[in-house]
Amino acid sequence: MDPFWLALSHFKRRDYERCASLCEGLLKQQPGDQAALLLQCRARTGQNVEDDTELEEEGVADLMLDENAVSTKPRPGTSTRPTTSSAGGVDRPVSGYLRPGTASRPITAKADVAAALARPTSTARPITSLGRELRLGTASGASQALDGLFNRGRVDATTMAKNQAAAKVGCDYLLRHERNPTAALDLCTAALLEETRTSWWWKYRQGRCYYQLGLYRDAENALSASIREQRMVPAVLELAKVYLRLDQPTAALAVLHAALAESPDNVRLTMWVARVHELVRSVELSVGTYKKVVELDASHVEGLACLAASNFYAGYPEIGLRFYRRLLQMGVAGPEIWTDVGLCCFYSSQFDMALGCLTRALQLADDNPDVWYNIGHVAIGLGDKDFASQAFNIALSLDNTHAESLTNLGVLAIRDHDAASALACFASAQNHAADSSLFQPFFNGALVARKLGNLKDACTLVSKSCEINADHPDSNDLKKELLRIFHIT
């Protein structure tokens, strides 16, 4: 079989590595084979393609140089930034389905340098040119043909734009593989001067370039122009991402609903509406939209996972177990899924199955402290305090900053009437949970301090607990009691 057609067959089957290798061999024999060159570019692009519906994680430069300032006190439902006075269960994600970019982030350029450096660097762009060369998948870096077409980002945009087919392949290659939005933007600008029939496509790519460069207002203008010419789902989703970067979820929802009016059965648009509702902590609307996603696509992994977790937290573990079993039947098996299945079985009073599922999660987990934490939690429910303590200690051996395990060890110490150990565990958990929504170590520490007669420390800790979770009734009652003791009205 002809090597080119064999490479094309591998490309259609999404075997991008094999396709690129065959094209590499063809280019060594005939460096001027443009068909093999473009196919290799598409294969390399396919290896690095990201989900257009995802938000990329930000790096240190994005955090420190972000000049898109927003209000420091947004109204509820109009911002994706969590508030400090929200209920404990509201800010918790609907599911454990982690998506890039959904974590809270500093909005202004006045972020703490230490906090910024502690965050993972961005995966959207390479830190050095060496990373770009190694991603080509060859022993000696890029092939000579690729070097001729993309000479370390120096692209002759005017010449390439005259061949629209090659220009489109090159644009995607620069954006997704080379991570060079500047060169891709030059190519988009030159192509818009050459071609008017498919200008919506180039304006969409131009908006993506602006987005990766952090020029969100320019990206908004380019994507809006693309949508006005021809409404396409990827452009709509990209514009929604821009609005979320600008902390305007209401505008993002307006764009998504306008697109859904024309395509009401589009799964990707519906999924993004559910995500935005989740980001602004509209749990009921988010869950209702996830149900519609599953109705449209019964095998949608994220929709099933979110519905399973929402039913579990709503007090219906039996229904959540059905969704998790569906995920297992689809082949989505991992330590997180087996842990969730184990917890659903435990709260459904299927204790033997719960232990078996957690054992399976341990076999698949790679030193995951959360699995041991959940095992300890199940052990507490079964009344085996020694096993629970051992599980929490193992979790701490894997991650000595695991605040939840420290908190539960403190509770076990209280049951053993060891107030000193309990206070030490709670104090350590408070230090590690200072930047999270975990209020339990502060409330438990306040209870112990109150029983020991240390009212000042108790008042300080319970005030911190109320600050994190203003709707926790026990914290509010304890604070009122302490204020009456101090005769403060």
Protein backbone atom coordinates (compact mmCIF):
# COMPACT_ATOMS: atom_id res chain seq x y z
CA MET A 1 0.00 0.00 0.00
CA ASP A 2 1.23 3.49 -0.82
CA PRO A 3 2.78 5.07 2.33
CA PHE A 4 0.84 8.31 1.88
CA TRP A 5 -2.53 6.55 1.72
CA LEU A 6 -1.50 4.44 4.69
CA ALA A 7 -0.65 7.61 6.63
CA LEU A 8 -3.99 9.12 5.63
CA SER A 9 -5.73 5.97 6.88
CA HIS A 10 -4.00 6.29 10.24
CA PHE A 11 -5.00 9.96 10.37
CA LYS A 12 -8.66 9.14 9.82
CA ARG A 13 -8.45 6.59 12.62
CA ARG A 14 -6.87 9.27 14.85
CA ASP A 15 -3.62 7.36 15.12
CA TYR A 16 -1.73 10.63 14.86
CA GLU A 17 1.65 9.38 16.04
CA ARG A 18 1.83 6.64 13.40
CA CYS A 19 0.58 9.05 10.73
CA ALA A 20 3.24 11.63 11.60
CA SER A 21 5.96 8.99 11.56
CA LEU A 22 4.96 7.81 8.07
CA CYS A 23 4.87 11.40 6.82
CA GLU A 24 8.30 11.98 8.33
CA GLY A 25 9.65 9.09 6.25
CA LEU A 26 8.00 10.44 3.10
CA LEU A 27 9.48 13.90 3.67
CA LYS A 28 12.96 12.43 4.07
CA GLN A 29 12.61 10.83 0.63
CA GLN A 30 10.88 13.82 -0.99
CA PRO A 31 11.31 17.04 1.05
CA GLY A 32 9.08 18.95 -1.37
CA ASP A 33 6.02 16.71 -0.96
CA GLN A 34 3.45 19.31 0.12
CA ALA A 35 0.67 16.74 0.66
CA ALA A 36 2.81 14.80 3.15
CA LEU A 37 3.88 18.04 4.79
CA LEU A 38 0.33 19.28 5.34
CA LEU A 39 -0.80 15.86 6.55
CA GLN A 40 2.06 15.80 9.05
CA CYS A 41 1.06 19.26 10.28
CA ARG A 42 -2.52 18.08 10.77
CA ALA A 43 -1.31 14.98 12.61
CA ARG A 44 0.90 17.06 14.93
CA THR A 45 -2.02 19.41 15.49
CA GLY A 46 -4.27 16.46 16.33
CA GLN A 47 -1.78 15.25 18.92
CA ASN A 48 -1.98 18.58 20.74
CA VAL A 49 -5.58 19.49 20.13
CA GLU A 50 -7.42 20.68 23.20
CA ASP A 51 -11.11 20.74 23.92
CA ASP A 52 -12.39 24.07 22.65
CA THR A 53 -14.94 24.06 25.44
CA GLU A 54 -12.30 24.14 28.16
CA LEU A 55 -10.59 26.99 29.92
CA GLU A 56 -6.81 26.80 29.99
CA GLU A 57 -5.11 27.07 33.33
CA GLU A 58 -3.27 30.32 33.84
CA GLY A 59 0.40 30.62 34.51
CA VAL A 60 2.34 33.04 36.66
CA ALA A 61 2.57 35.64 33.90
CA ASP A 62 -1.20 35.54 33.38
CA LEU A 63 -1.79 36.11 37.06
CA MET A 64 0.70 38.92 37.52
CA LEU A 65 0.05 40.82 34.28
CA ASP A 66 -3.74 40.63 34.18
CA GLU A 67 -4.96 44.21 33.89
CA ASN A 68 -8.64 43.34 33.52
CA ALA A 69 -9.78 44.73 36.85
CA VAL A 70 -13.31 43.93 38.02
CA SER A 71 -15.42 44.92 40.98
CA THR A 72 -14.11 43.66 44.31
CA LYS A 73 -17.65 43.06 45.60
CA PRO A 74 -19.69 41.53 42.78
CA ARG A 75 -23.39 40.90 43.15
CA PRO A 76 -24.44 37.25 43.65
CA GLY A 77 -25.08 35.48 40.38
CA THR A 78 -23.12 37.99 38.29
CA SER A 79 -19.60 36.77 39.01
CA THR A 80 -17.70 33.50 39.04
CA ARG A 81 -15.69 34.64 42.06
CA PRO A 82 -16.72 32.91 45.31
CA THR A 83 -17.90 35.06 48.17
CA THR A 84 -16.71 34.54 51.74
CA SER A 85 -20.20 34.61 53.22
CA SER A 86 -21.73 31.85 51.16
CA ALA A 87 -23.07 28.63 52.53
CA GLY A 88 -20.74 25.72 52.98
CA GLY A 89 -22.50 23.52 50.46
CA VAL A 90 -23.06 26.16 47.79
CA ASP A 91 -19.48 26.84 46.78
CA ARG A 92 -18.67 23.14 46.64
CA PRO A 93 -18.55 21.92 43.05
CA VAL A 94 -21.49 19.89 41.85
CA SER A 95 -19.15 17.01 41.08
CA GLY A 96 -15.54 16.00 41.33
CA TYR A 97 -15.23 16.33 37.56
CA LEU A 98 -12.24 18.69 37.41
CA ARG A 99 -12.08 21.03 34.44
CA PRO A 100 -9.21 23.35 33.66
CA GLY A 101 -9.75 26.96 34.52
CA THR A 102 -12.68 26.40 36.89
CA ALA A 103 -10.69 27.14 40.04
CA SER A 104 -10.90 30.59 41.53
CA ARG A 105 -8.12 32.96 40.54
CA PRO A 106 -6.83 36.41 41.43
CA ILE A 107 -8.52 38.96 39.21
CA THR A 108 -6.31 42.02 39.53
CA ALA A 109 -2.62 42.46 38.90
CA LYS A 110 -1.97 42.91 42.62
CA ALA A 111 -1.82 39.18 43.32
CA ASP A 112 0.60 37.84 45.85
CA VAL A 113 3.84 36.73 44.20
CA ALA A 114 4.23 33.73 46.50
CA ALA A 115 0.68 32.60 45.82
CA ALA A 116 1.18 33.00 42.09
CA LEU A 117 4.38 31.00 42.08
CA ALA A 118 2.70 28.25 44.09
CA ARG A 119 0.16 27.71 41.31
CA PRO A 120 0.97 25.41 38.38
CA THR A 121 2.35 27.11 35.33
CA SER A 122 0.22 27.41 32.25
CA THR A 123 -0.09 24.47 29.92
CA ALA A 124 -1.29 26.67 27.11
CA ARG A 125 2.20 27.77 26.03
CA PRO A 126 5.67 26.27 26.42
CA ILE A 127 8.10 27.89 28.82
CA THR A 128 11.11 27.40 26.54
CA SER A 129 11.67 26.75 22.86
CA LEU A 130 13.10 23.34 23.73
CA GLY A 131 9.65 22.13 24.77
CA ARG A 132 8.28 23.07 21.37
CA GLU A 133 11.01 21.15 19.58
CA LEU A 134 10.58 18.02 21.67
CA ARG A 135 6.84 17.89 21.06
CA LEU A 136 7.48 17.23 17.37
CA GLY A 137 8.11 13.60 18.28
CA THR A 138 11.34 13.10 16.32
CA ALA A 139 14.80 12.33 17.55
CA SER A 140 16.37 15.37 15.91
CA GLY A 141 13.51 17.82 16.40
CA ALA A 142 11.52 19.13 13.46
CA SER A 143 12.01 17.75 10.02
CA GLN A 144 13.73 19.88 7.40
CA ALA A 145 10.42 20.40 5.65
CA LEU A 146 8.77 21.72 8.77
CA ASP A 147 11.78 23.93 9.43
CA GLY A 148 11.32 25.38 5.96
CA LEU A 149 7.64 26.08 6.54
CA PHE A 150 7.84 27.23 10.17
CA ASN A 151 11.36 28.46 10.86
CA ARG A 152 11.06 28.80 14.64
CA GLY A 153 7.96 30.95 14.32
CA ARG A 154 9.22 33.19 11.47
CA VAL A 155 6.39 32.63 9.02
CA ASP A 156 6.02 34.37 5.68
CA ALA A 157 2.36 35.12 6.29
CA THR A 158 1.74 36.94 3.01
CA THR A 159 3.07 34.08 0.88
CA MET A 160 1.33 31.36 2.88
CA ALA A 161 -2.02 33.21 2.89
CA LYS A 162 -2.23 32.92 -0.90
CA ASN A 163 -2.79 29.16 -0.50
CA GLN A 164 -5.89 29.06 1.70
CA ALA A 165 -5.81 25.30 2.30
CA ALA A 166 -2.19 25.35 3.44
CA ALA A 167 -2.76 28.55 5.41
CA LYS A 168 -5.59 27.00 7.45
CA VAL A 169 -3.51 23.94 8.28
CA GLY A 170 -0.58 26.18 9.18
CA CYS A 171 -2.71 28.42 11.38
CA ASP A 172 -3.99 25.50 13.46
CA TYR A 173 -0.46 24.10 13.63
CA LEU A 174 0.89 27.38 14.97
CA LEU A 175 -1.92 27.74 17.49
CA ARG A 176 -2.17 24.23 18.87
CA HIS A 177 1.25 22.69 18.38
CA GLU A 178 3.77 25.51 18.21
CA ARG A 179 1.79 27.60 20.71
CA ASN A 180 2.80 30.69 18.78
CA PRO A 181 -0.29 32.93 18.68
CA THR A 182 1.72 35.92 17.43
CA ALA A 183 2.74 34.18 14.18
CA ALA A 184 -0.77 32.74 13.82
CA LEU A 185 -2.26 36.22 14.24
CA ASP A 186 -0.05 37.56 11.46
CA LEU A 187 -1.23 34.73 9.24
CA CYS A 188 -4.88 35.44 10.07
CA THR A 189 -4.46 39.12 9.26
CA ALA A 190 -2.83 38.33 5.91
CA ALA A 191 -5.47 35.72 5.07
CA LEU A 192 -8.31 38.15 5.74
CA LEU A 193 -6.84 40.45 3.08
CA GLU A 194 -6.70 37.57 0.58
CA GLU A 195 -9.98 35.78 1.28
CA THR A 196 -13.48 37.12 1.95
CA ARG A 197 -15.62 34.02 1.38
CA THR A 198 -14.42 32.25 4.54
CA SER A 199 -13.60 35.35 6.54
CA TRP A 200 -15.70 34.07 9.45
CA TRP A 201 -13.24 31.18 9.87
CA TRP A 202 -10.24 33.50 9.95
CA LYS A 203 -11.94 35.92 12.33
CA TYR A 204 -12.65 33.00 14.65
CA ARG A 205 -8.99 31.98 14.59
CA GLN A 206 -8.03 35.62 15.02
CA GLY A 207 -10.16 35.75 18.16
CA ARG A 208 -8.42 32.65 19.47
CA CYS A 209 -5.05 34.28 18.89
CA TYR A 210 -6.11 37.40 20.77
CA TYR A 211 -7.46 35.20 23.58
CA GLN A 212 -4.16 33.35 23.99
CA LEU A 213 -2.31 36.67 23.96
CA GLY A 214 -4.55 37.98 26.75
CA LEU A 215 -6.18 40.67 24.58
CA TYR A 216 -9.70 39.80 25.63
CA ARG A 217 -11.48 42.87 24.25
CA ASP A 218 -9.89 42.39 20.84
CA ALA A 219 -10.84 38.71 21.02
CA GLU A 220 -14.43 39.70 21.82
CA ASN A 221 -14.61 41.98 18.77
CA ALA A 222 -13.11 39.37 16.43
CA LEU A 223 -15.33 36.54 17.65
CA SER A 224 -18.46 38.71 17.57
CA ALA A 225 -17.67 39.62 13.96
CA SER A 226 -17.23 35.94 13.11
CA ILE A 227 -20.58 35.04 14.70
CA ARG A 228 -22.35 37.86 12.87
CA GLU A 229 -21.13 36.48 9.55
CA GLN A 230 -21.89 32.85 10.36
CA ARG A 231 -22.93 31.49 13.74
CA MET A 232 -20.74 28.48 14.49
CA VAL A 233 -20.66 26.58 17.79
CA PRO A 234 -16.85 26.76 18.32
CA ALA A 235 -16.90 30.55 17.89
CA VAL A 236 -19.79 30.88 20.34
CA LEU A 237 -17.98 28.77 22.93
CA GLU A 238 -14.78 30.77 22.44
CA LEU A 239 -16.69 34.01 22.99
CA ALA A 240 -18.21 32.56 26.16
CA LYS A 241 -14.69 31.76 27.38
CA VAL A 242 -13.69 35.38 26.76
CA TYR A 243 -16.62 36.67 28.82
CA LEU A 244 -15.75 34.29 31.65
CA ARG A 245 -12.17 35.59 31.61
CA LEU A 246 -13.63 39.07 31.97
CA ASP A 247 -15.80 37.77 34.84
CA GLN A 248 -19.03 38.38 32.94
CA PRO A 249 -20.97 35.10 33.24
CA THR A 250 -24.25 36.86 32.48
CA ALA A 251 -22.92 37.93 29.08
CA ALA A 252 -21.61 34.40 28.50
CA LEU A 253 -25.03 32.95 29.25
CA ALA A 254 -26.68 35.44 26.89
CA VAL A 255 -24.38 34.36 24.04
CA LEU A 256 -24.97 30.67 24.76
CA HIS A 257 -28.75 31.01 25.00
CA ALA A 258 -28.83 32.94 21.73
CA ALA A 259 -26.99 30.07 20.05
CA LEU A 260 -29.25 27.51 21.73
CA ALA A 261 -32.30 29.28 20.30
CA GLU A 262 -31.07 28.24 16.84
CA SER A 263 -29.68 24.83 17.89
CA PRO A 264 -31.70 23.70 20.92
CA ASP A 265 -30.37 20.13 20.81
CA ASN A 266 -26.66 20.98 20.70
CA VAL A 267 -24.94 19.06 23.49
CA ARG A 268 -21.83 21.25 23.69
CA LEU A 269 -23.83 24.46 24.07
CA THR A 270 -26.08 22.90 26.70
CA MET A 271 -23.05 21.57 28.55
CA TRP A 272 -21.49 25.01 28.69
CA VAL A 273 -24.71 26.55 30.02
CA ALA A 274 -24.61 24.00 32.85
CA ARG A 275 -20.95 24.82 33.55
CA VAL A 276 -21.58 28.55 33.75
CA HIS A 277 -24.51 28.01 36.12
CA GLU A 278 -22.18 25.87 38.24
CA LEU A 279 -19.50 28.57 38.24
CA VAL A 280 -21.95 31.17 39.57
CA ARG A 281 -23.17 28.63 42.13
CA SER A 282 -26.72 28.27 40.73
CA VAL A 283 -26.87 24.61 41.71
CA GLU A 284 -30.51 23.94 40.81
CA LEU A 285 -30.21 25.46 37.35
CA SER A 286 -26.93 23.64 36.80
CA VAL A 287 -28.36 20.25 37.76
CA GLY A 288 -31.43 20.81 35.60
CA THR A 289 -29.22 21.60 32.61
CA TYR A 290 -27.06 18.54 33.26
CA LYS A 291 -30.22 16.44 33.09
CA LYS A 292 -30.97 17.90 29.68
CA VAL A 293 -27.41 17.07 28.59
CA VAL A 294 -27.93 13.42 29.55
CA GLU A 295 -31.27 13.39 27.75
CA LEU A 296 -29.53 14.58 24.58
CA ASP A 297 -26.54 12.26 24.98
CA ALA A 298 -27.04 9.28 27.29
CA SER A 299 -23.31 8.50 27.24
CA HIS A 300 -22.03 11.97 28.15
CA VAL A 301 -19.38 11.32 30.80
CA GLU A 302 -19.33 14.75 32.41
CA GLY A 303 -23.10 15.03 32.58
CA LEU A 304 -23.43 11.60 34.19
CA ALA A 305 -20.67 12.37 36.71
CA CYS A 306 -22.23 15.68 37.70
CA LEU A 307 -25.69 14.17 38.14
CA ALA A 308 -24.24 11.32 40.19
CA ALA A 309 -22.46 13.70 42.54
CA SER A 310 -25.43 16.07 42.83
CA ASN A 311 -27.75 13.21 43.81
CA PHE A 312 -25.19 11.98 46.33
CA TYR A 313 -24.93 15.39 48.01
CA ALA A 314 -28.71 15.81 47.88
CA GLY A 315 -29.14 12.69 50.02
CA TYR A 316 -29.98 10.19 47.29
CA PRO A 317 -26.93 7.89 47.14
CA GLU A 318 -28.95 5.08 45.53
CA ILE A 319 -29.72 7.26 42.51
CA GLY A 320 -26.14 8.50 42.38
CA LEU A 321 -24.98 4.89 42.37
CA ARG A 322 -26.98 4.23 39.20
CA PHE A 323 -25.13 6.99 37.35
CA TYR A 324 -21.74 5.78 38.59
CA ARG A 325 -22.55 2.23 37.52
CA ARG A 326 -23.41 3.59 34.09
CA LEU A 327 -19.97 5.23 33.93
CA LEU A 328 -18.32 1.94 34.88
CA GLN A 329 -20.29 0.14 32.17
CA MET A 330 -18.99 2.71 29.67
CA GLY A 331 -15.41 1.88 30.65
CA VAL A 332 -14.74 5.06 32.66
CA ALA A 333 -12.87 3.42 35.51
CA GLY A 334 -10.42 5.14 37.83
CA PRO A 335 -9.71 5.60 41.53
CA GLU A 336 -12.10 8.56 41.73
CA ILE A 337 -15.01 6.63 40.21
CA TRP A 338 -14.46 3.60 42.43
CA THR A 339 -14.17 5.84 45.51
CA ASP A 340 -17.46 7.55 44.66
CA VAL A 341 -19.11 4.18 44.09
CA GLY A 342 -17.81 3.00 47.44
CA LEU A 343 -19.22 6.05 49.21
CA CYS A 344 -22.59 5.64 47.52
CA CYS A 345 -22.67 1.98 48.58
CA PHE A 346 -21.72 2.93 52.13
CA TYR A 347 -24.48 5.52 52.48
CA SER A 348 -26.89 3.03 50.90
CA SER A 349 -26.03 0.59 53.74
CA GLN A 350 -24.21 -1.79 51.38
CA PHE A 351 -21.13 -1.99 53.59
CA ASP A 352 -19.55 -5.10 52.06
CA MET A 353 -19.69 -3.61 48.57
CA ALA A 354 -18.36 -0.29 49.86
CA LEU A 355 -15.18 -1.87 51.21
CA GLY A 356 -14.69 -3.83 47.98
CA CYS A 357 -15.02 -0.68 45.85
CA LEU A 358 -12.59 1.25 48.04
CA THR A 359 -10.12 -1.62 47.81
CA ARG A 360 -10.41 -1.43 44.04
CA ALA A 361 -9.79 2.32 44.21
CA LEU A 362 -6.59 1.69 46.19
CA GLN A 363 -5.39 -0.71 43.51
CA LEU A 364 -5.82 1.95 40.83
CA ALA A 365 -4.71 4.98 42.87
CA ASP A 366 -1.15 6.24 42.77
CA ASP A 367 -0.51 7.51 46.30
CA ASN A 368 -3.80 9.42 46.45
CA PRO A 369 -4.49 10.71 49.98
CA ASP A 370 -8.17 11.34 49.21
CA VAL A 371 -8.82 7.61 48.84
CA TRP A 372 -7.38 6.90 52.28
CA TYR A 373 -9.32 9.83 53.71
CA ASN A 374 -12.59 8.37 52.42
CA ILE A 375 -11.61 4.95 53.76
CA GLY A 376 -11.10 6.53 57.16
CA HIS A 377 -14.46 8.23 56.89
CA VAL A 378 -16.14 4.89 56.15
CA ALA A 379 -14.28 3.32 59.08
CA ILE A 380 -15.68 5.98 61.41
CA GLY A 381 -19.17 5.12 60.19
CA LEU A 382 -18.50 1.44 60.88
CA GLY A 383 -17.27 2.26 64.40
CA ASP A 384 -13.66 1.13 63.90
CA LYS A 385 -11.75 4.11 65.33
CA ASP A 386 -8.35 2.42 65.19
CA PHE A 387 -8.69 1.63 61.50
CA ALA A 388 -9.96 5.16 60.85
CA SER A 389 -6.98 6.71 62.66
CA GLN A 390 -4.59 4.52 60.68
CA ALA A 391 -6.21 5.53 57.39
CA PHE A 392 -5.98 9.24 58.21
CA ASN A 393 -2.33 8.87 59.19
CA ILE A 394 -1.59 7.14 55.88
CA ALA A 395 -3.30 10.01 54.07
CA LEU A 396 -1.09 12.48 55.95
CA SER A 397 2.00 10.45 55.09
CA LEU A 398 1.10 10.95 51.42
CA ASP A 399 0.19 14.63 51.88
CA ASN A 400 1.12 16.31 55.14
CA THR A 401 -1.09 19.31 54.27
CA HIS A 402 -4.31 17.29 54.01
CA ALA A 403 -6.49 19.46 56.24
CA GLU A 404 -9.50 17.13 56.18
CA SER A 405 -7.51 14.22 57.60
CA LEU A 406 -6.03 16.45 60.29
CA THR A 407 -9.52 17.61 61.25
CA ASN A 408 -10.82 14.06 61.57
CA LEU A 409 -7.79 13.01 63.61
CA GLY A 410 -8.62 15.86 65.95
CA VAL A 411 -12.19 14.60 66.30
CA LEU A 412 -10.92 11.10 67.11
CA ALA A 413 -8.59 12.61 69.70
CA ILE A 414 -11.56 14.35 71.35
CA ARG A 415 -13.37 11.02 71.58
CA ASP A 416 -10.30 9.65 73.36
CA HIS A 417 -10.39 12.68 75.73
CA ASP A 418 -7.01 13.90 74.49
CA ALA A 419 -7.63 17.65 74.26
CA ALA A 420 -3.98 18.57 73.68
CA SER A 421 -3.64 16.31 70.62
CA ALA A 422 -6.99 17.53 69.32
CA LEU A 423 -5.96 21.17 69.57
CA ALA A 424 -2.67 20.41 67.82
CA CYS A 425 -4.47 18.67 64.94
CA PHE A 426 -6.99 21.46 64.60
CA ALA A 427 -4.27 24.13 64.66
CA SER A 428 -2.35 22.36 61.91
CA ALA A 429 -5.53 21.94 59.86
CA GLN A 430 -6.32 25.64 60.31
CA ASN A 431 -2.94 26.63 58.90
CA HIS A 432 -3.38 24.43 55.83
CA ALA A 433 -7.04 25.39 55.33
CA ALA A 434 -6.53 29.14 55.61
CA ASP A 435 -7.12 29.73 51.88
CA SER A 436 -9.93 27.21 51.42
CA SER A 437 -13.61 26.98 52.35
CA LEU A 438 -12.97 24.44 55.12
CA PHE A 439 -14.51 25.83 58.29
CA GLN A 440 -14.66 22.63 60.37
CA PRO A 441 -11.18 22.90 61.98
CA PHE A 442 -11.98 26.42 63.21
CA PHE A 443 -15.36 25.41 64.63
CA ASN A 444 -13.98 22.25 66.27
CA GLY A 445 -11.06 24.21 67.71
CA ALA A 446 -13.49 26.75 69.12
CA LEU A 447 -15.50 23.98 70.80
CA VAL A 448 -12.42 22.52 72.48
CA ALA A 449 -11.21 25.95 73.56
CA ARG A 450 -14.67 26.70 75.00
CA LYS A 451 -14.66 23.51 77.04
CA LEU A 452 -11.16 24.27 78.33
CA GLY A 453 -12.26 27.76 79.38
CA ASN A 454 -10.13 29.63 76.83
CA LEU A 455 -12.94 31.95 75.77
CA LYS A 456 -10.78 34.44 73.90
CA ASP A 457 -9.33 31.85 71.54
CA ALA A 458 -12.77 30.25 71.18
CA CYS A 459 -14.27 33.58 70.11
CA THR A 460 -11.48 34.17 67.58
CA LEU A 461 -11.85 30.71 66.05
CA VAL A 462 -15.62 30.73 65.85
CA SER A 463 -15.53 34.18 64.25
CA LYS A 464 -13.25 32.76 61.57
CA SER A 465 -15.65 29.82 61.11
CA CYS A 466 -18.57 32.21 60.65
CA GLU A 467 -16.53 34.27 58.20
CA ILE A 468 -15.92 31.22 56.03
CA ASN A 469 -19.43 29.81 56.35
CA ALA A 470 -21.92 32.39 57.57
CA ASP A 471 -24.86 29.95 57.37
CA HIS A 472 -23.47 27.27 59.69
CA PRO A 473 -26.02 27.21 62.58
CA ASP A 474 -23.72 25.66 65.21
CA SER A 475 -21.04 28.29 64.60
CA ASN A 476 -23.59 31.08 64.88
CA ASP A 477 -25.04 29.64 68.10
CA LEU A 478 -21.58 29.26 69.66
CA LYS A 479 -20.65 32.80 68.68
CA LYS A 480 -23.84 34.18 70.22
CA GLU A 481 -23.14 32.25 73.42
CA LEU A 482 -19.60 33.62 73.65
CA LEU A 483 -20.80 37.15 72.98
CA ARG A 484 -23.33 36.86 75.80
CA ILE A 485 -20.54 35.68 78.10
CA PHE A 486 -18.46 38.73 77.18
CA HIS A 487 -21.58 40.93 77.56
CA ILE A 488 -21.26 42.19 73.99
CA THR A 489 -24.45 43.20 72.25
